[in-house]
C-alpha atoms as a PDB file:
ATOM      1  CA  UNK A   1       0.000   0.000   0.000  1.00  0.00           C
ATOM      2  CA  UNK A   2       1.820   3.083  -1.231  1.00  0.00           C
ATOM      3  CA  UNK A   3       0.887   6.726  -1.364  1.00  0.00           C
ATOM      4  CA  UNK A   4      -2.021   6.333   1.046  1.00  0.00           C
ATOM      5  CA  UNK A   5      -2.409   7.743   4.497  1.00  0.00           C
ATOM      6  CA  UNK A   6      -3.989   6.073   7.498  1.00  0.00           C
ATOM      7  CA  UNK A   7      -7.691   6.812   7.421  1.00  0.00           C
ATOM      8  CA  UNK A   8      -7.933   7.005   3.608  1.00  0.00           C
ATOM      9  CA  UNK A   9      -9.524   3.542   3.615  1.00  0.00           C
ATOM     10  CA  UNK A  10     -12.270   4.674   5.987  1.00  0.00           C
ATOM     11  CA  UNK A  11     -13.038   7.634   3.725  1.00  0.00           C
ATOM     12  CA  UNK A  12     -13.277   5.252   0.769  1.00  0.00           C
ATOM     13  CA  UNK A  13     -15.655   3.000   2.702  1.00  0.00           C
ATOM     14  CA  UNK A  14     -17.795   5.963   3.717  1.00  0.00           C
ATOM     15  CA  UNK A  15     -17.849   7.258   0.142  1.00  0.00           C
ATOM     16  CA  UNK A  16     -19.266   3.958  -1.119  1.00  0.00           C
ATOM     17  CA  UNK A  17     -21.804   3.556   1.697  1.00  0.00           C
ATOM     18  CA  UNK A  18     -25.445   4.008   0.689  1.00  0.00           C
ATOM     19  CA  UNK A  19     -26.672   7.453   1.740  1.00  0.00           C
ATOM     20  CA  UNK A  20     -30.377   6.821   1.484  1.00  0.00           C
ATOM     21  CA  UNK A  21     -31.995   5.308   4.604  1.00  0.00           C
ATOM     22  CA  UNK A  22     -34.366   3.215   2.469  1.00  0.00           C
ATOM     23  CA  UNK A  23     -31.713   1.872   0.075  1.00  0.00           C
ATOM     24  CA  UNK A  24     -31.556  -1.912  -0.434  1.00  0.00           C
ATOM     25  CA  UNK A  25     -29.361  -3.811   2.053  1.00  0.00           C
ATOM     26  CA  UNK A  26     -25.925  -4.699   0.666  1.00  0.00           C
ATOM     27  CA  UNK A  27     -24.698  -6.841   3.556  1.00  0.00           C
ATOM     28  CA  UNK A  28     -22.376  -4.305   5.204  1.00  0.00           C
ATOM     29  CA  UNK A  29     -24.401  -4.163   8.406  1.00  0.00           C
ATOM     30  CA  UNK A  30     -24.569  -7.954   8.569  1.00  0.00           C
ATOM     31  CA  UNK A  31     -20.809  -8.266   7.962  1.00  0.00           C
ATOM     32  CA  UNK A  32     -20.105  -5.643  10.630  1.00  0.00           C
ATOM     33  CA  UNK A  33     -22.376  -7.433  13.100  1.00  0.00           C
ATOM     34  CA  UNK A  34     -20.753 -10.791  12.401  1.00  0.00           C
ATOM     35  CA  UNK A  35     -17.263  -9.352  12.885  1.00  0.00           C
ATOM     36  CA  UNK A  36     -18.334  -7.851  16.209  1.00  0.00           C
ATOM     37  CA  UNK A  37     -19.860 -11.184  17.241  1.00  0.00           C
ATOM     38  CA  UNK A  38     -16.599 -12.971  16.409  1.00  0.00           C
ATOM     39  CA  UNK A  39     -14.513 -10.460  18.374  1.00  0.00           C
ATOM     40  CA  UNK A  40     -16.861 -10.684  21.379  1.00  0.00           C
ATOM     41  CA  UNK A  41     -16.839 -14.490  21.272  1.00  0.00           C
ATOM     42  CA  UNK A  42     -13.043 -14.580  21.379  1.00  0.00           C
ATOM     43  CA  UNK A  43     -12.872 -11.891  24.085  1.00  0.00           C
ATOM     44  CA  UNK A  44     -15.485 -13.611  26.262  1.00  0.00           C
ATOM     45  CA  UNK A  45     -13.732 -16.948  25.926  1.00  0.00           C
ATOM     46  CA  UNK A  46     -10.429 -15.437  27.012  1.00  0.00           C
ATOM     47  CA  UNK A  47     -12.017 -13.541  29.923  1.00  0.00           C
ATOM     48  CA  UNK A  48     -13.531 -16.757  31.254  1.00  0.00           C
ATOM     49  CA  UNK A  49     -10.097 -18.369  31.200  1.00  0.00           C
ATOM     50  CA  UNK A  50      -8.420 -15.272  32.686  1.00  0.00           C
ATOM     51  CA  UNK A  51     -10.583 -15.396  35.810  1.00  0.00           C
ATOM     52  CA  UNK A  52      -9.495 -18.908  36.741  1.00  0.00           C
ATOM     53  CA  UNK A  53      -5.760 -18.532  36.049  1.00  0.00           C
ATOM     54  CA  UNK A  54      -4.923 -14.993  37.119  1.00  0.00           C
ATOM     55  CA  UNK A  55      -3.268 -14.193  33.790  1.00  0.00           C
ATOM     56  CA  UNK A  56      -4.322 -11.935  30.963  1.00  0.00           C
ATOM     57  CA  UNK A  57      -5.527 -13.424  27.702  1.00  0.00           C
ATOM     58  CA  UNK A  58      -2.322 -12.220  26.023  1.00  0.00           C
ATOM     59  CA  UNK A  59      -0.196 -13.938  28.661  1.00  0.00           C
ATOM     60  CA  UNK A  60      -2.118 -17.194  28.261  1.00  0.00           C
ATOM     61  CA  UNK A  61      -1.855 -16.990  24.490  1.00  0.00           C
ATOM     62  CA  UNK A  62       1.920 -16.350  24.781  1.00  0.00           C
ATOM     63  CA  UNK A  63       2.272 -19.432  26.998  1.00  0.00           C
ATOM     64  CA  UNK A  64       0.347 -21.479  24.459  1.00  0.00           C
ATOM     65  CA  UNK A  65       2.545 -20.217  21.607  1.00  0.00           C
ATOM     66  CA  UNK A  66       5.735 -21.053  23.512  1.00  0.00           C
ATOM     67  CA  UNK A  67       4.417 -24.510  24.386  1.00  0.00           C
ATOM     68  CA  UNK A  68       3.619 -25.132  20.710  1.00  0.00           C
ATOM     69  CA  UNK A  69       7.075 -23.946  19.590  1.00  0.00           C
ATOM     70  CA  UNK A  70       9.662 -24.390  22.378  1.00  0.00           C
ATOM     71  CA  UNK A  71      12.769 -22.358  21.660  1.00  0.00           C
ATOM     72  CA  UNK A  72      11.080 -19.676  19.595  1.00  0.00           C
ATOM     73  CA  UNK A  73      12.573 -16.202  19.584  1.00  0.00           C
ATOM     74  CA  UNK A  74      10.976 -13.077  21.034  1.00  0.00           C
ATOM     75  CA  UNK A  75      10.460 -11.641  17.535  1.00  0.00           C
ATOM     76  CA  UNK A  76       8.651 -14.843  16.475  1.00  0.00           C
ATOM     77  CA  UNK A  77       6.407 -14.653  19.543  1.00  0.00           C
ATOM     78  CA  UNK A  78       5.650 -10.995  18.784  1.00  0.00           C
ATOM     79  CA  UNK A  79       4.722 -11.919  15.214  1.00  0.00           C
ATOM     80  CA  UNK A  80       2.446 -14.739  16.399  1.00  0.00           C
ATOM     81  CA  UNK A  81       0.684 -12.434  18.868  1.00  0.00           C
ATOM     82  CA  UNK A  82       0.552  -9.537  16.357  1.00  0.00           C
ATOM     83  CA  UNK A  83       2.333  -7.206  18.777  1.00  0.00           C
ATOM     84  CA  UNK A  84       5.608  -5.288  18.754  1.00  0.00           C
ATOM     85  CA  UNK A  85       8.743  -7.059  20.051  1.00  0.00           C
ATOM     86  CA  UNK A  86       9.037  -4.533  22.889  1.00  0.00           C
ATOM     87  CA  UNK A  87       5.460  -5.351  23.984  1.00  0.00           C
ATOM     88  CA  UNK A  88       6.272  -9.071  23.801  1.00  0.00           C
ATOM     89  CA  UNK A  89       9.347  -8.468  25.945  1.00  0.00           C
ATOM     90  CA  UNK A  90       7.252  -6.664  28.584  1.00  0.00           C
ATOM     91  CA  UNK A  91       4.729  -9.507  28.533  1.00  0.00           C
ATOM     92  CA  UNK A  92       7.574 -12.011  28.985  1.00  0.00           C
ATOM     93  CA  UNK A  93       8.917 -10.022  31.955  1.00  0.00           C
ATOM     94  CA  UNK A  94       5.607 -10.617  33.755  1.00  0.00           C
ATOM     95  CA  UNK A  95       5.571 -14.321  32.886  1.00  0.00           C
ATOM     96  CA  UNK A  96       9.175 -14.661  34.033  1.00  0.00           C
ATOM     97  CA  UNK A  97       8.337 -13.028  37.375  1.00  0.00           C
ATOM     98  CA  UNK A  98       5.700 -15.734  37.887  1.00  0.00           C
ATOM     99  CA  UNK A  99       8.279 -18.404  36.981  1.00  0.00           C
ATOM    100  CA  UNK A 100       6.267 -19.585  33.963  1.00  0.00           C
ATOM    101  CA  UNK A 101       8.821 -18.774  31.246  1.00  0.00           C
ATOM    102  CA  UNK A 102      12.584 -18.611  30.985  1.00  0.00           C
ATOM    103  CA  UNK A 103      14.777 -16.957  28.370  1.00  0.00           C
ATOM    104  CA  UNK A 104      17.823 -18.907  27.238  1.00  0.00           C
ATOM    105  CA  UNK A 105      20.857 -17.748  25.321  1.00  0.00           C
ATOM    106  CA  UNK A 106      22.420 -20.678  23.489  1.00  0.00           C
ATOM    107  CA  UNK A 107      24.442 -19.074  20.709  1.00  0.00           C
ATOM    108  CA  UNK A 108      28.127 -18.272  21.038  1.00  0.00           C
ATOM    109  CA  UNK A 109      27.511 -14.512  20.922  1.00  0.00           C
ATOM    110  CA  UNK A 110      24.554 -14.659  23.346  1.00  0.00           C
ATOM    111  CA  UNK A 111      22.438 -12.301  21.223  1.00  0.00           C
ATOM    112  CA  UNK A 112      19.675 -14.749  20.298  1.00  0.00           C
ATOM    113  CA  UNK A 113      17.197 -15.368  23.101  1.00  0.00           C
ATOM    114  CA  UNK A 114      15.121 -18.554  22.973  1.00  0.00           C
ATOM    115  CA  UNK A 115      11.941 -18.998  25.016  1.00  0.00           C
ATOM    116  CA  UNK A 116      11.098 -22.061  27.083  1.00  0.00           C
ATOM    117  CA  UNK A 117       8.342 -22.856  29.547  1.00  0.00           C
ATOM    118  CA  UNK A 118       9.332 -23.707  33.094  1.00  0.00           C
ATOM    119  CA  UNK A 119       7.753 -26.700  34.834  1.00  0.00           C
ATOM    120  CA  UNK A 120       5.133 -24.330  36.268  1.00  0.00           C
ATOM    121  CA  UNK A 121       4.500 -22.945  32.775  1.00  0.00           C
ATOM    122  CA  UNK A 122       3.996 -26.442  31.373  1.00  0.00           C
ATOM    123  CA  UNK A 123       1.475 -27.169  34.154  1.00  0.00           C
ATOM    124  CA  UNK A 124      -0.347 -23.892  33.461  1.00  0.00           C
ATOM    125  CA  UNK A 125      -0.664 -24.720  29.753  1.00  0.00           C
ATOM    126  CA  UNK A 126      -1.985 -28.205  30.580  1.00  0.00           C
ATOM    127  CA  UNK A 127      -4.612 -26.599  32.801  1.00  0.00           C
ATOM    128  CA  UNK A 128      -5.818 -24.124  30.164  1.00  0.00           C
ATOM    129  CA  UNK A 129      -9.068 -25.542  28.776  1.00  0.00           C
ATOM    130  CA  UNK A 130      -8.197 -24.485  25.231  1.00  0.00           C
ATOM    131  CA  UNK A 131      -7.877 -20.800  24.444  1.00  0.00           C
ATOM    132  CA  UNK A 132     -10.647 -19.340  22.343  1.00  0.00           C
ATOM    133  CA  UNK A 133      -8.050 -18.638  19.667  1.00  0.00           C
ATOM    134  CA  UNK A 134      -7.514 -22.416  19.595  1.00  0.00           C
ATOM    135  CA  UNK A 135     -11.242 -22.869  19.010  1.00  0.00           C
ATOM    136  CA  UNK A 136     -11.127 -20.227  16.300  1.00  0.00           C
ATOM    137  CA  UNK A 137      -8.088 -21.848  14.664  1.00  0.00           C
ATOM    138  CA  UNK A 138      -9.865 -25.206  14.774  1.00  0.00           C
ATOM    139  CA  UNK A 139     -12.911 -23.751  13.056  1.00  0.00           C
ATOM    140  CA  UNK A 140     -10.717 -22.122  10.391  1.00  0.00           C
ATOM    141  CA  UNK A 141      -9.045 -25.489   9.861  1.00  0.00           C
ATOM    142  CA  UNK A 142     -12.428 -27.059   9.113  1.00  0.00           C
ATOM    143  CA  UNK A 143     -13.367 -24.475   6.473  1.00  0.00           C
ATOM    144  CA  UNK A 144     -13.216 -25.564   2.834  1.00  0.00           C
ATOM    145  CA  UNK A 145     -10.037 -24.173   1.254  1.00  0.00           C
ATOM    146  CA  UNK A 146     -11.813 -21.984  -1.352  1.00  0.00           C
ATOM    147  CA  UNK A 147     -13.887 -20.342   1.412  1.00  0.00           C
ATOM    148  CA  UNK A 148     -10.785 -19.841   3.564  1.00  0.00           C
ATOM    149  CA  UNK A 149      -8.904 -18.248   0.652  1.00  0.00           C
ATOM    150  CA  UNK A 150     -11.786 -15.810   0.063  1.00  0.00           C
ATOM    151  CA  UNK A 151     -11.951 -15.040   3.806  1.00  0.00           C
ATOM    152  CA  UNK A 152      -8.221 -14.244   3.883  1.00  0.00           C
ATOM    153  CA  UNK A 153      -8.540 -12.039   0.805  1.00  0.00           C
ATOM    154  CA  UNK A 154     -11.523 -10.229   2.296  1.00  0.00           C
ATOM    155  CA  UNK A 155      -9.814  -9.704   5.651  1.00  0.00           C
ATOM    156  CA  UNK A 156      -6.663  -8.417   3.914  1.00  0.00           C
ATOM    157  CA  UNK A 157      -8.755  -5.972   1.874  1.00  0.00           C
ATOM    158  CA  UNK A 158     -10.599  -4.800   4.967  1.00  0.00           C
ATOM    159  CA  UNK A 159      -7.355  -4.235   6.893  1.00  0.00           C
ATOM    160  CA  UNK A 160      -5.876  -2.332   3.949  1.00  0.00           C
ATOM    161  CA  UNK A 161      -8.947  -0.103   3.686  1.00  0.00           C
ATOM    162  CA  UNK A 162      -8.610   0.613   7.397  1.00  0.00           C
ATOM    163  CA  UNK A 163      -4.959   1.625   6.897  1.00  0.00           C
ATOM    164  CA  UNK A 164      -3.624  -1.335   8.876  1.00  0.00           C
ATOM    165  CA  UNK A 165      -0.658  -3.440   7.817  1.00  0.00           C
ATOM    166  CA  UNK A 166      -1.540  -6.884   6.519  1.00  0.00           C
ATOM    167  CA  UNK A 167       0.673  -9.564   8.055  1.00  0.00           C
ATOM    168  CA  UNK A 168       1.280 -12.713   6.095  1.00  0.00           C
ATOM    169  CA  UNK A 169       2.890 -15.941   7.226  1.00  0.00           C
ATOM    170  CA  UNK A 170       2.404 -15.531  10.978  1.00  0.00           C
ATOM    171  CA  UNK A 171       3.803 -18.196  13.265  1.00  0.00           C
ATOM    172  CA  UNK A 172       2.005 -21.503  12.913  1.00  0.00           C
ATOM    173  CA  UNK A 173       2.011 -23.709  16.014  1.00  0.00           C
ATOM    174  CA  UNK A 174       2.927 -27.364  15.625  1.00  0.00           C
ATOM    175  CA  UNK A 175      -0.033 -29.730  15.802  1.00  0.00           C
END
């Protein structure tokens, strides 16, 4: 996306929106409602888990990512969580304080940090009843490929119109 400023996509969406209150429905309201329903479903699922474990949804999701890919780097975790590396580092500080995660430096120059769960972290992940993102990923895995391809294309278009970067090839946990 070149030559466009943040917010240009919203203006384009507003410009194509029907202005007449009685105009025929085009599905935008339904799509908006379904997106909100999806977001609320994921948020509610994570809040229910948060209450029983004393961790935020982001912390639980980070634990799950590390358990799926032991030894991943902080930048890979940040990519998987769709956050900045500095935010991932702050999140890891909190998990380290609770003795759920440890950072290891294995390379000769000690610059590369690898993430591992501690024994307490492994127990916490075993106790998580399946993060809502896991349920969402499972549902996406059951979608027919042509439908999934169209969904990805539609989501990418929507993010572009909103002026957000589209991330491709995010971390995929091992099955």
